Protein backbone atom coordinates (compact mmCIF):
# COMPACT_ATOMS: atom_id res chain seq x y z
CA UNK A 1 -0.18 0.33 -0.11
CA UNK A 2 0.90 3.12 -1.21
CA UNK A 3 1.77 6.03 1.63
CA UNK A 4 -0.76 8.08 -0.37
CA UNK A 5 -3.10 5.42 0.13
CA UNK A 6 -2.22 4.79 3.83
CA UNK A 7 -3.11 7.88 4.48
CA UNK A 8 -6.42 8.05 3.19
CA UNK A 9 -7.33 4.78 4.34
CA UNK A 10 -6.14 6.19 7.81
CA UNK A 11 -8.45 9.22 7.55
CA UNK A 12 -11.42 7.34 6.20
CA UNK A 13 -11.15 4.73 9.14
CA UNK A 14 -11.35 7.07 12.01
CA UNK A 15 -14.99 8.09 11.83
CA UNK A 16 -15.65 4.33 11.43
CA UNK A 17 -13.67 3.61 14.41
CA UNK A 18 -15.28 6.39 16.72
CA UNK A 19 -19.02 4.51 16.20
CA UNK A 20 -17.73 1.29 17.34
CA UNK A 21 -19.54 -0.39 20.28
CA UNK A 22 -17.26 -2.60 22.85
CA UNK A 23 -18.57 -5.69 21.38
CA UNK A 24 -17.20 -4.74 18.16
CA UNK A 25 -13.91 -3.15 19.18
CA UNK A 26 -13.45 -6.78 21.02
CA UNK A 27 -14.09 -8.99 18.08
CA UNK A 28 -11.83 -6.48 15.85
CA UNK A 29 -8.77 -6.28 17.90
CA UNK A 30 -9.29 -10.69 18.59
CA UNK A 31 -9.95 -10.73 14.80
CA UNK A 32 -7.27 -13.83 13.11
CA UNK A 33 -7.74 -15.55 9.98
CA UNK A 34 -9.06 -18.60 9.58
CA UNK A 35 -6.38 -21.83 9.24
CA UNK A 36 -7.41 -22.23 5.37
CA UNK A 37 -6.16 -18.56 4.70
CA UNK A 38 -3.08 -18.71 7.06
CA UNK A 39 -2.06 -22.01 5.47
CA UNK A 40 -2.34 -20.11 1.89
CA UNK A 41 -0.69 -16.95 3.13
CA UNK A 42 2.31 -18.97 4.57
CA UNK A 43 2.92 -20.90 1.34
CA UNK A 44 2.60 -18.00 -0.13
CA UNK A 45 5.49 -16.19 1.57
CA UNK A 46 7.70 -19.31 1.68
CA UNK A 47 7.71 -18.95 -2.35
CA UNK A 48 8.21 -15.24 -2.03
CA UNK A 49 11.30 -15.88 0.50
CA UNK A 50 12.40 -18.32 -1.93
CA UNK A 51 11.73 -16.41 -5.80
CA UNK A 52 9.39 -19.09 -6.68
CA UNK A 53 5.85 -17.85 -6.85
CA UNK A 54 4.53 -17.20 -10.22
CA UNK A 55 3.01 -13.88 -11.72
CA UNK A 56 -0.78 -15.04 -10.85
CA UNK A 57 0.90 -16.03 -7.18
CA UNK A 58 2.85 -12.71 -7.07
CA UNK A 59 -0.46 -11.04 -7.26
CA UNK A 60 -2.58 -13.29 -4.80
CA UNK A 61 0.43 -12.39 -2.38
CA UNK A 62 0.32 -8.57 -2.58
CA UNK A 63 -3.41 -8.43 -2.31
CA UNK A 64 -2.80 -10.43 1.13
CA UNK A 65 -0.34 -7.91 2.21
CA UNK A 66 -2.86 -5.08 1.54
CA UNK A 67 -5.47 -6.95 3.07
CA UNK A 68 -3.48 -7.68 6.04
CA UNK A 69 -1.96 -4.13 6.08
CA UNK A 70 -5.99 -3.06 6.30
CA UNK A 71 -6.92 -4.96 9.33
CA UNK A 72 -3.64 -4.08 10.96
CA UNK A 73 -4.76 -0.51 10.51
CA UNK A 74 -8.34 -1.37 11.49
CA UNK A 75 -7.00 -2.91 14.83
CA UNK A 76 -4.81 -0.06 15.65
CA UNK A 77 -7.73 2.03 15.09
CA UNK A 78 -9.99 -0.17 17.05
CA UNK A 79 -7.39 0.14 20.13
CA UNK A 80 -7.11 3.63 20.19
CA UNK A 81 -10.72 3.82 20.73
CA UNK A 82 -10.74 0.89 23.39
CA UNK A 83 -7.99 2.47 25.00
CA UNK A 84 -9.45 6.48 24.95
CA UNK A 85 -13.01 5.27 26.42
CA UNK A 86 -11.70 2.97 28.72
CA UNK A 87 -13.73 0.22 27.08
């Protein structure tokens, strides 16, 4: 994700995070991808480290990375909300 896209996403998520009820914050903070996603991500990570990914797999891996960046940012927003409101 480019710094410009990250900054825009950061600003867009602020009002969403501000309206999260405590239960949603808790679910976001404890979110983990399911086992099949974890397995696939690990396969792609290994292939990337070994330099053996196909073009399609590189694109898939890039999509995973962007999704994980989004989730990490949303978790940070939820954590900040939880901390600031004592939830």
